[in-house]
Amino acid sequence: MFPSPVIPEPGTLGLLALGLPGLGLLRRRRRAE
């Protein structure tokens, strides 16, 4: 993670936390099918 002077909002952190793994799952599912 890169240091930032401004703390991101909880919503942003939530989107990143759910979004990154979500993209990985979508890619795996597409490859499987």
PDB file of N, CA and C in Angstrom:
ATOM      1  N   MET A   1       0.846  -1.196   0.000  1.00  0.00           N
ATOM      2  CA  MET A   1       0.000   0.000   0.000  1.00  0.00           C
ATOM      3  C   MET A   1       0.877   1.239   0.000  1.00  0.00           C
ATOM      4  N   PHE A   2       0.446   2.281  -0.704  1.00  0.00           N
ATOM      5  CA  PHE A   2       1.231   3.505  -0.752  1.00  0.00           C
ATOM      6  C   PHE A   2       0.738   4.472   0.319  1.00  0.00           C
ATOM      7  N   PRO A   3       1.670   5.156   0.995  1.00  0.00           N
ATOM      8  CA  PRO A   3       1.297   6.118   2.043  1.00  0.00           C
ATOM      9  C   PRO A   3       0.626   7.346   1.438  1.00  0.00           C
ATOM     10  N   SER A   4      -0.440   7.828   2.064  1.00  0.00           N
ATOM     11  CA  SER A   4      -1.130   9.010   1.551  1.00  0.00           C
ATOM     12  C   SER A   4      -1.444   9.952   2.705  1.00  0.00           C
ATOM     13  N   PRO A   5      -1.290  11.251   2.490  1.00  0.00           N
ATOM     14  CA  PRO A   5      -1.553  12.242   3.544  1.00  0.00           C
ATOM     15  C   PRO A   5      -3.027  12.271   3.928  1.00  0.00           C
ATOM     16  N   VAL A   6      -3.893  11.905   2.986  1.00  0.00           N
ATOM     17  CA  VAL A   6      -5.327  11.932   3.268  1.00  0.00           C
ATOM     18  C   VAL A   6      -5.845  10.511   3.458  1.00  0.00           C
ATOM     19  N   ILE A   7      -6.593  10.294   4.540  1.00  0.00           N
ATOM     20  CA  ILE A   7      -7.136   8.959   4.798  1.00  0.00           C
ATOM     21  C   ILE A   7      -8.392   8.755   3.954  1.00  0.00           C
ATOM     22  N   PRO A   8      -8.428   7.713   3.116  1.00  0.00           N
ATOM     23  CA  PRO A   8      -9.595   7.438   2.274  1.00  0.00           C
ATOM     24  C   PRO A   8     -10.819   7.091   3.108  1.00  0.00           C
ATOM     25  N   GLU A   9     -11.998   7.309   2.539  1.00  0.00           N
ATOM     26  CA  GLU A   9     -13.230   7.030   3.277  1.00  0.00           C
ATOM     27  C   GLU A   9     -13.427   5.523   3.421  1.00  0.00           C
ATOM     28  N   PRO A  10     -14.159   5.102   4.452  1.00  0.00           N
ATOM     29  CA  PRO A  10     -14.439   3.674   4.670  1.00  0.00           C
ATOM     30  C   PRO A  10     -15.078   3.044   3.437  1.00  0.00           C
ATOM     31  N   GLY A  11     -15.910   3.801   2.749  1.00  0.00           N
ATOM     32  CA  GLY A  11     -16.570   3.278   1.554  1.00  0.00           C
ATOM     33  C   GLY A  11     -15.553   2.912   0.491  1.00  0.00           C
ATOM     34  N   THR A  12     -14.560   3.796   0.307  1.00  0.00           N
ATOM     35  CA  THR A  12     -13.522   3.533  -0.696  1.00  0.00           C
ATOM     36  C   THR A  12     -12.742   2.284  -0.340  1.00  0.00           C
ATOM     37  N   LEU A  13     -12.377   2.162   0.935  1.00  0.00           N
ATOM     38  CA  LEU A  13     -11.628   0.978   1.384  1.00  0.00           C
ATOM     39  C   LEU A  13     -12.464  -0.272   1.168  1.00  0.00           C
ATOM     40  N   GLY A  14     -13.758  -0.178   1.437  1.00  0.00           N
ATOM     41  CA  GLY A  14     -14.646  -1.330   1.276  1.00  0.00           C
ATOM     42  C   GLY A  14     -14.720  -1.754  -0.179  1.00  0.00           C
ATOM     43  N   LEU A  15     -14.833  -0.756  -1.076  1.00  0.00           N
ATOM     44  CA  LEU A  15     -14.921  -1.082  -2.507  1.00  0.00           C
ATOM     45  C   LEU A  15     -13.645  -1.771  -2.975  1.00  0.00           C
ATOM     46  N   LEU A  16     -12.499  -1.261  -2.509  1.00  0.00           N
ATOM     47  CA  LEU A  16     -11.225  -1.864  -2.908  1.00  0.00           C
ATOM     48  C   LEU A  16     -11.106  -3.267  -2.342  1.00  0.00           C
ATOM     49  N   ALA A  17     -11.483  -3.429  -1.081  1.00  0.00           N
ATOM     50  CA  ALA A  17     -11.355  -4.735  -0.416  1.00  0.00           C
ATOM     51  C   ALA A  17     -12.239  -5.776  -1.104  1.00  0.00           C
ATOM     52  N   LEU A  18     -13.447  -5.347  -1.522  1.00  0.00           N
ATOM     53  CA  LEU A  18     -14.367  -6.297  -2.166  1.00  0.00           C
ATOM     54  C   LEU A  18     -14.104  -6.380  -3.666  1.00  0.00           C
ATOM     55  N   GLY A  19     -13.668  -5.288  -4.247  1.00  0.00           N
ATOM     56  CA  GLY A  19     -13.477  -5.226  -5.697  1.00  0.00           C
ATOM     57  C   GLY A  19     -12.294  -6.040  -6.188  1.00  0.00           C
ATOM     58  N   LEU A  20     -11.147  -5.922  -5.502  1.00  0.00           N
ATOM     59  CA  LEU A  20      -9.952  -6.638  -5.964  1.00  0.00           C
ATOM     60  C   LEU A  20     -10.166  -8.146  -5.989  1.00  0.00           C
ATOM     61  N   PRO A  21     -10.610  -8.765  -4.896  1.00  0.00           N
ATOM     62  CA  PRO A  21     -10.876 -10.210  -4.907  1.00  0.00           C
ATOM     63  C   PRO A  21     -11.999 -10.551  -5.889  1.00  0.00           C
ATOM     64  N   GLY A  22     -12.969  -9.662  -6.026  1.00  0.00           N
ATOM     65  CA  GLY A  22     -14.093  -9.903  -6.932  1.00  0.00           C
ATOM     66  C   GLY A  22     -13.617 -10.042  -8.371  1.00  0.00           C
ATOM     67  N   LEU A  23     -12.693  -9.154  -8.780  1.00  0.00           N
ATOM     68  CA  LEU A  23     -12.169  -9.233 -10.143  1.00  0.00           C
ATOM     69  C   LEU A  23     -11.439 -10.549 -10.353  1.00  0.00           C
ATOM     70  N   GLY A  24     -10.692 -10.978  -9.340  1.00  0.00           N
ATOM     71  CA  GLY A  24      -9.953 -12.241  -9.443  1.00  0.00           C
ATOM     72  C   GLY A  24     -10.905 -13.410  -9.619  1.00  0.00           C
ATOM     73  N   LEU A  25     -12.013 -13.393  -8.862  1.00  0.00           N
ATOM     74  CA  LEU A  25     -12.984 -14.489  -8.960  1.00  0.00           C
ATOM     75  C   LEU A  25     -13.634 -14.494 -10.336  1.00  0.00           C
ATOM     76  N   LEU A  26     -13.954 -13.304 -10.849  1.00  0.00           N
ATOM     77  CA  LEU A  26     -14.595 -13.228 -12.165  1.00  0.00           C
ATOM     78  C   LEU A  26     -13.666 -13.785 -13.236  1.00  0.00           C
ATOM     79  N   ARG A  27     -12.382 -13.454 -13.131  1.00  0.00           N
ATOM     80  CA  ARG A  27     -11.423 -13.931 -14.129  1.00  0.00           C
ATOM     81  C   ARG A  27     -11.323 -15.446 -14.069  1.00  0.00           C
ATOM     82  N   ARG A  28     -11.292 -15.987 -12.844  1.00  0.00           N
ATOM     83  CA  ARG A  28     -11.167 -17.442 -12.700  1.00  0.00           C
ATOM     84  C   ARG A  28     -12.411 -18.132 -13.251  1.00  0.00           C
ATOM     85  N   ARG A  29     -13.577 -17.554 -12.970  1.00  0.00           N
ATOM     86  CA  ARG A  29     -14.824 -18.165 -13.442  1.00  0.00           C
ATOM     87  C   ARG A  29     -14.880 -18.143 -14.961  1.00  0.00           C
ATOM     88  N   ARG A  30     -14.461 -17.038 -15.566  1.00  0.00           N
ATOM     89  CA  ARG A  30     -14.496 -16.930 -17.026  1.00  0.00           C
ATOM     90  C   ARG A  30     -13.550 -17.952 -17.649  1.00  0.00           C
ATOM     91  N   ARG A  31     -12.384 -18.149 -17.039  1.00  0.00           N
ATOM     92  CA  ARG A  31     -11.416 -19.109 -17.578  1.00  0.00           C
ATOM     93  C   ARG A  31     -11.967 -20.522 -17.436  1.00  0.00           C
ATOM     94  N   ALA A  32     -12.621 -20.800 -16.307  1.00  0.00           N
ATOM     95  CA  ALA A  32     -13.165 -22.141 -16.063  1.00  0.00           C
ATOM     96  C   ALA A  32     -14.235 -22.461 -17.108  1.00  0.00           C
ATOM     97  N   GLU A  33     -15.083 -21.478 -17.400  1.00  0.00           N
ATOM     98  CA  GLU A  33     -16.135 -21.702 -18.386  1.00  0.00           C
ATOM     99  C   GLU A  33     -15.557 -21.591 -19.800  1.00  0.00           C
TER     100      GLU A  33
END
